[in-house]
Amino acid sequence: MNKEEYEIKKEIEKRLKCSNKSLWNSLSKEKQDFVVNKYYDANSIENVGILKVLEDNRGLRMNLISIFIGLSLGLFGNAAYDVVLKYLPNGVFDAPILMGFVVILFLSIREINKIAAEHLGNNKVLEYLLKSSPIILYKNMKILKIIKDSDIGSTFMEPENFRERKAARAVVFDENNKVALVYSTKNNYHKLPGGGVEEGEDFEIAVQRELIEEIGCTVENIKELGMVEEYRNKVGLHQTSYCYTARVIEKGTPELEANEIMEGYVTQWLALDEAIEILEKEKNVDHYDGKFMWLRDITFLKEVK
């Protein structure tokens, strides 16, 4: 992280905290970092609005400070001068008196900063940010895990930029209380059903669509489970997976895409403990992306248990 990026992120974090301190403090450190990092990208529409607010905030602070200094000099300049002369007879410098003036000025400027932040803060930074995009903390879904290359034993260097991808997944139970895993007959691995969220698509709608496509099931009783973030350095991908639990209404035929057909995807229904046991046996997968997939899906399954 270069100096400019660091300073911008710290400024964003400071403004967010000032804008609604109670809301900001209620978020975990991971969620706070998620908020800051998500909206750092200067190319995003949301960040343009936030940076404009930050710029306005800085302008307001400077204007208020300038007004304060001007009023102080105009209204209290003569009085302060008389006090200084009174306590500095014969040119003796009284340090405590001067220090008192400095402390008063510092406290006043600090209060002005606080007033400026609160003036623009409520409903204009953090609340705006939380409402403006569903990716940020969709329905306040909790973060279960953040996976990085170091977590899978990889040493690929972090890229300058990450490509963003959102995905919706589910732990689906049938009438026998068994969960669905998608098995790749070609590459011999298992995964939870789910896939990418289309631009502007609601997450619950996305997970219902993915379940029809991958396992041929319509579902109900959809509930939030949690989210997992993946930072894949090798391919420059930041993927956020939003996971749900659901109950099967009806089982049908999957509508697999060409690449999924080539993978030889088939649906397997297993008891939850058995599903976890099967994934545990696949822990030492060699494929780079597969390592992320394994850690992500085992996290979701264990969260259900």
Protein backbone atom coordinates (compact mmCIF):
# COMPACT_ATOMS: atom_id res chain seq x y z
CA MET A 1 0.00 0.00 0.00
CA ASN A 2 1.55 3.32 -1.07
CA LYS A 3 1.46 6.51 1.01
CA GLU A 4 -1.36 8.13 -0.98
CA GLU A 5 -3.60 5.06 -0.69
CA TYR A 6 -2.89 4.83 3.04
CA GLU A 7 -3.73 8.49 3.65
CA ILE A 8 -6.97 8.31 1.65
CA LYS A 9 -8.11 5.18 3.49
CA LYS A 10 -7.30 6.70 6.88
CA GLU A 11 -9.24 9.84 5.92
CA ILE A 12 -12.23 7.76 4.82
CA GLU A 13 -12.09 5.74 8.03
CA LYS A 14 -11.90 8.90 10.16
CA ARG A 15 -14.85 10.52 8.39
CA LEU A 16 -16.93 7.35 8.62
CA LYS A 17 -16.31 7.09 12.34
CA CYS A 18 -17.17 10.74 12.94
CA SER A 19 -20.29 10.54 10.79
CA ASN A 20 -22.01 8.04 13.07
CA LYS A 21 -19.79 6.93 15.92
CA SER A 22 -22.23 4.49 17.51
CA LEU A 23 -22.95 2.72 14.22
CA TRP A 24 -19.28 2.58 13.26
CA ASN A 25 -18.23 1.22 16.65
CA SER A 26 -20.92 -1.46 16.43
CA LEU A 27 -19.13 -2.96 13.40
CA SER A 28 -16.32 -5.46 13.83
CA LYS A 29 -12.82 -4.49 12.67
CA GLU A 30 -13.24 -6.80 9.69
CA LYS A 31 -16.45 -5.04 8.67
CA GLN A 32 -14.85 -1.62 9.14
CA ASP A 33 -11.96 -2.64 6.88
CA PHE A 34 -14.45 -4.08 4.40
CA VAL A 35 -16.32 -0.77 4.23
CA VAL A 36 -13.15 1.28 3.77
CA ASN A 37 -11.57 -1.02 1.19
CA LYS A 38 -14.76 -1.47 -0.82
CA TYR A 39 -15.17 2.24 -1.39
CA TYR A 40 -11.55 3.15 -1.84
CA ASP A 41 -11.72 2.43 -5.56
CA ALA A 42 -11.91 5.88 -7.13
CA ASN A 43 -13.64 4.47 -10.21
CA SER A 44 -16.75 3.39 -8.31
CA ILE A 45 -19.80 5.62 -8.42
CA GLU A 46 -20.28 5.31 -4.68
CA ASN A 47 -16.74 6.48 -3.92
CA VAL A 48 -17.16 9.61 -6.04
CA GLY A 49 -20.03 10.65 -3.80
CA ILE A 50 -18.13 9.82 -0.63
CA LEU A 51 -15.00 11.66 -1.69
CA LYS A 52 -17.18 14.70 -2.53
CA VAL A 53 -18.59 14.57 0.99
CA LEU A 54 -15.07 14.30 2.44
CA GLU A 55 -13.96 17.30 0.37
CA ASP A 56 -16.98 19.31 1.51
CA ASN A 57 -16.23 18.30 5.08
CA ARG A 58 -12.65 19.53 4.84
CA GLY A 59 -13.87 22.78 3.29
CA LEU A 60 -16.41 23.29 6.05
CA ARG A 61 -13.80 22.67 8.72
CA MET A 62 -11.42 25.21 7.23
CA ASN A 63 -14.18 27.79 6.86
CA LEU A 64 -15.29 27.35 10.47
CA ILE A 65 -11.72 27.55 11.73
CA SER A 66 -11.12 30.70 9.69
CA ILE A 67 -14.30 32.28 11.04
CA PHE A 68 -13.32 31.37 14.59
CA ILE A 69 -9.85 32.86 14.27
CA GLY A 70 -11.24 36.01 12.66
CA LEU A 71 -13.84 36.51 15.38
CA SER A 72 -11.28 35.78 18.07
CA LEU A 73 -8.91 38.40 16.72
CA GLY A 74 -11.65 40.92 16.12
CA LEU A 75 -13.60 40.55 19.37
CA PHE A 76 -10.95 39.50 21.82
CA GLY A 77 -7.74 40.82 20.33
CA ASN A 78 -7.64 44.04 22.37
CA ALA A 79 -8.66 42.29 25.59
CA ALA A 80 -6.03 39.60 25.10
CA TYR A 81 -3.44 42.27 24.40
CA ASP A 82 -4.30 44.07 27.66
CA VAL A 83 -4.07 40.81 29.60
CA VAL A 84 -0.70 39.98 28.11
CA LEU A 85 0.65 43.45 28.96
CA LYS A 86 -0.70 43.17 32.49
CA TYR A 87 1.06 39.88 33.16
CA LEU A 88 4.25 40.70 31.29
CA PRO A 89 5.67 43.63 33.26
CA ASN A 90 9.14 44.76 32.40
CA GLY A 91 9.19 42.39 29.41
CA VAL A 92 9.11 39.24 31.60
CA PHE A 93 7.57 36.38 29.58
CA ASP A 94 4.85 34.50 31.51
CA ALA A 95 4.88 31.01 29.91
CA PRO A 96 1.84 29.58 31.79
CA ILE A 97 -0.41 32.39 30.51
CA LEU A 98 0.71 31.84 26.92
CA MET A 99 0.26 28.09 27.32
CA GLY A 100 -3.27 28.71 28.52
CA PHE A 101 -4.11 30.63 25.34
CA VAL A 102 -2.65 27.81 23.23
CA VAL A 103 -4.71 25.17 25.06
CA ILE A 104 -7.91 27.20 24.64
CA LEU A 105 -7.24 27.59 20.92
CA PHE A 106 -6.51 23.85 20.53
CA LEU A 107 -9.69 22.81 22.36
CA SER A 108 -11.76 25.24 20.31
CA ILE A 109 -10.39 23.91 17.01
CA ARG A 110 -11.01 20.33 18.16
CA GLU A 111 -14.64 21.17 18.91
CA ILE A 112 -14.98 22.81 15.49
CA ASN A 113 -13.67 19.63 13.85
CA LYS A 114 -16.22 17.62 15.78
CA ILE A 115 -19.06 19.97 14.85
CA ALA A 116 -18.04 19.92 11.19
CA ALA A 117 -17.92 16.13 11.08
CA GLU A 118 -21.28 15.76 12.78
CA HIS A 119 -22.83 18.49 10.60
CA LEU A 120 -22.06 16.58 7.41
CA GLY A 121 -21.96 13.16 8.99
CA ASN A 122 -25.42 11.98 9.93
CA ASN A 123 -27.14 10.48 6.89
CA LYS A 124 -24.35 11.68 4.58
CA VAL A 125 -21.43 9.31 4.98
CA LEU A 126 -21.79 6.03 6.85
CA GLU A 127 -25.57 5.69 6.59
CA TYR A 128 -25.42 6.71 2.92
CA LEU A 129 -22.62 4.22 2.39
CA LEU A 130 -24.44 1.35 4.09
CA LYS A 131 -27.62 1.96 2.09
CA SER A 132 -26.07 2.71 -1.30
CA SER A 133 -24.96 -0.78 -2.32
CA PRO A 134 -26.07 -4.27 -1.29
CA ILE A 135 -22.52 -5.64 -1.46
CA ILE A 136 -21.36 -3.71 1.55
CA LEU A 137 -23.11 -5.59 4.33
CA TYR A 138 -26.14 -7.05 2.68
CA LYS A 139 -28.82 -7.27 5.37
CA ASN A 140 -25.94 -7.00 7.84
CA MET A 141 -24.72 -10.50 6.91
CA LYS A 142 -21.84 -11.43 9.17
CA ILE A 143 -18.35 -12.16 7.88
CA LEU A 144 -17.40 -15.75 8.67
CA LYS A 145 -13.93 -15.75 7.17
CA ILE A 146 -11.53 -13.71 5.04
CA ILE A 147 -9.29 -16.03 3.01
CA LYS A 148 -5.93 -14.88 1.67
CA ASP A 149 -3.05 -16.65 -0.06
CA SER A 150 -1.27 -17.13 3.25
CA ASP A 151 -4.23 -19.20 4.49
CA ILE A 152 -3.72 -21.80 1.74
CA GLY A 153 0.07 -21.87 1.88
CA SER A 154 0.54 -19.76 -1.26
CA THR A 155 3.24 -17.12 -1.69
CA PHE A 156 1.91 -15.20 -4.70
CA MET A 157 2.43 -11.46 -4.31
CA GLU A 158 -0.62 -9.24 -3.81
CA PRO A 159 -1.56 -7.50 -7.09
CA GLU A 160 -1.98 -3.76 -7.39
CA ASN A 161 -5.72 -4.13 -8.03
CA PHE A 162 -8.31 -6.86 -7.52
CA ARG A 163 -11.19 -7.66 -9.86
CA GLU A 164 -14.47 -7.73 -7.91
CA ARG A 165 -16.89 -10.65 -8.05
CA LYS A 166 -20.02 -11.32 -5.99
CA ALA A 167 -21.48 -14.80 -5.59
CA ALA A 168 -24.50 -16.38 -3.91
CA ARG A 169 -24.37 -19.91 -2.46
CA ALA A 170 -26.53 -22.11 -0.27
CA VAL A 171 -26.57 -25.05 2.08
CA VAL A 172 -29.78 -26.73 0.87
CA PHE A 173 -31.69 -29.32 2.91
CA ASP A 174 -34.17 -31.78 1.41
CA GLU A 175 -37.10 -33.60 3.01
CA ASN A 176 -34.70 -36.14 4.57
CA ASN A 177 -32.59 -33.35 6.08
CA LYS A 178 -29.71 -34.10 3.72
CA VAL A 179 -27.64 -31.34 2.12
CA ALA A 180 -26.75 -30.92 -1.55
CA LEU A 181 -23.16 -31.02 -2.77
CA VAL A 182 -22.15 -30.60 -6.39
CA TYR A 183 -19.61 -33.27 -7.38
CA SER A 184 -17.21 -32.84 -10.30
CA THR A 185 -16.72 -36.30 -11.81
CA LYS A 186 -13.95 -34.95 -14.02
CA ASN A 187 -11.75 -33.39 -11.33
CA ASN A 188 -12.99 -35.34 -8.29
CA TYR A 189 -14.01 -32.54 -5.92
CA HIS A 190 -17.17 -31.37 -4.15
CA LYS A 191 -18.58 -27.89 -3.68
CA LEU A 192 -21.70 -26.11 -2.49
CA PRO A 193 -24.18 -25.08 -5.19
CA GLY A 194 -24.06 -21.44 -6.20
CA GLY A 195 -22.38 -18.97 -8.50
CA GLY A 196 -21.97 -15.39 -9.63
CA VAL A 197 -24.49 -12.65 -8.97
CA GLU A 198 -25.48 -10.71 -12.08
CA GLU A 199 -25.23 -6.90 -12.15
CA GLY A 200 -28.09 -5.38 -10.16
CA GLU A 201 -29.49 -8.78 -9.17
CA ASP A 202 -30.89 -9.31 -5.68
CA PHE A 203 -28.85 -11.83 -3.73
CA GLU A 204 -31.77 -14.05 -2.72
CA ILE A 205 -33.05 -14.06 -6.29
CA ALA A 206 -29.52 -14.96 -7.43
CA VAL A 207 -29.25 -17.93 -5.06
CA GLN A 208 -32.65 -19.25 -6.16
CA ARG A 209 -31.58 -18.99 -9.81
CA GLU A 210 -28.26 -20.73 -9.13
CA LEU A 211 -29.96 -23.59 -7.30
CA ILE A 212 -32.29 -24.21 -10.23
CA GLU A 213 -29.34 -24.15 -12.64
CA GLU A 214 -26.86 -26.28 -10.66
CA ILE A 215 -29.01 -28.79 -8.74
CA GLY A 216 -32.44 -28.36 -10.36
CA CYS A 217 -34.21 -27.40 -7.11
CA THR A 218 -36.71 -24.75 -6.17
CA VAL A 219 -36.41 -23.71 -2.54
CA GLU A 220 -38.13 -21.86 0.29
CA ASN A 221 -37.37 -20.70 3.82
CA ILE A 222 -34.21 -18.92 2.66
CA LYS A 223 -32.17 -17.63 5.60
CA GLU A 224 -28.86 -15.83 5.84
CA LEU A 225 -25.87 -17.85 6.99
CA GLY A 226 -22.86 -15.58 6.47
CA MET A 227 -20.30 -14.34 3.98
CA VAL A 228 -16.75 -15.31 3.08
CA GLU A 229 -14.27 -13.08 1.27
CA GLU A 230 -11.47 -14.44 -0.88
CA TYR A 231 -8.41 -12.48 -2.04
CA ARG A 232 -6.81 -14.61 -4.76
CA ASN A 233 -3.49 -12.95 -5.53
CA LYS A 234 -2.56 -15.23 -8.43
CA VAL A 235 -5.60 -14.27 -10.52
CA GLY A 236 -6.21 -10.81 -9.03
CA LEU A 237 -9.70 -11.70 -7.77
CA HIS A 238 -11.60 -10.44 -4.74
CA GLN A 239 -14.65 -12.66 -4.43
CA THR A 240 -17.37 -12.18 -1.82
CA SER A 241 -19.67 -15.17 -1.36
CA TYR A 242 -23.01 -14.65 0.37
CA CYS A 243 -24.33 -17.93 1.73
CA TYR A 244 -27.83 -18.95 2.78
CA THR A 245 -29.63 -21.98 4.11
CA ALA A 246 -32.77 -23.17 2.34
CA ARG A 247 -35.32 -25.99 2.15
CA VAL A 248 -36.21 -27.87 -1.01
CA ILE A 249 -39.71 -27.42 -2.44
CA GLU A 250 -39.20 -29.56 -5.50
CA LYS A 251 -36.31 -31.44 -7.12
CA GLY A 252 -35.89 -31.28 -10.87
CA THR A 253 -33.26 -31.45 -13.60
CA PRO A 254 -30.27 -29.07 -13.39
CA GLU A 255 -29.77 -26.52 -16.19
CA LEU A 256 -26.00 -26.78 -16.42
CA GLU A 257 -23.83 -24.47 -18.50
CA ALA A 258 -21.31 -25.84 -21.00
CA ASN A 259 -18.32 -25.61 -18.65
CA GLU A 260 -20.31 -27.30 -15.86
CA ILE A 261 -21.25 -30.15 -18.20
CA MET A 262 -17.56 -30.54 -19.06
CA GLU A 263 -16.78 -30.71 -15.34
CA GLY A 264 -19.29 -33.58 -15.11
CA TYR A 265 -21.35 -31.95 -12.36
CA VAL A 266 -23.76 -34.26 -10.52
CA THR A 267 -25.78 -33.56 -7.38
CA GLN A 268 -25.20 -35.65 -4.27
CA TRP A 269 -27.47 -35.56 -1.21
CA LEU A 270 -25.62 -36.30 2.03
CA ALA A 271 -26.09 -35.97 5.76
CA LEU A 272 -24.45 -32.80 7.04
CA ASP A 273 -21.75 -34.67 8.98
CA GLU A 274 -21.03 -36.84 5.94
CA ALA A 275 -20.76 -33.78 3.70
CA ILE A 276 -18.26 -32.18 6.09
CA GLU A 277 -16.30 -35.44 6.31
CA ILE A 278 -16.09 -35.70 2.50
CA LEU A 279 -14.80 -32.14 2.18
CA GLU A 280 -12.30 -32.73 4.97
CA LYS A 281 -10.81 -35.56 2.89
CA GLU A 282 -10.33 -33.14 -0.01
CA LYS A 283 -8.31 -30.67 2.08
CA ASN A 284 -5.04 -31.26 0.23
CA VAL A 285 -6.37 -30.36 -3.21
CA ASP A 286 -3.53 -29.21 -5.51
CA HIS A 287 -5.44 -26.69 -7.64
CA TYR A 288 -4.92 -23.03 -6.60
CA ASP A 289 -8.56 -21.95 -6.96
CA GLY A 290 -9.69 -25.25 -5.50
CA LYS A 291 -7.88 -24.50 -2.24
CA PHE A 292 -9.90 -21.30 -1.82
CA MET A 293 -13.11 -23.09 -2.79
CA TRP A 294 -12.48 -25.85 -0.26
CA LEU A 295 -11.78 -23.51 2.65
CA ARG A 296 -14.78 -21.34 1.76
CA ASP A 297 -17.29 -24.20 1.54
CA ILE A 298 -16.05 -26.09 4.61
CA THR A 299 -16.46 -22.82 6.52
CA PHE A 300 -20.10 -22.53 5.42
CA LEU A 301 -20.91 -26.15 6.25
CA LYS A 302 -19.35 -25.97 9.70
CA GLU A 303 -21.24 -22.74 10.40
CA VAL A 304 -24.52 -24.59 9.78
CA LYS A 305 -23.52 -27.35 12.19
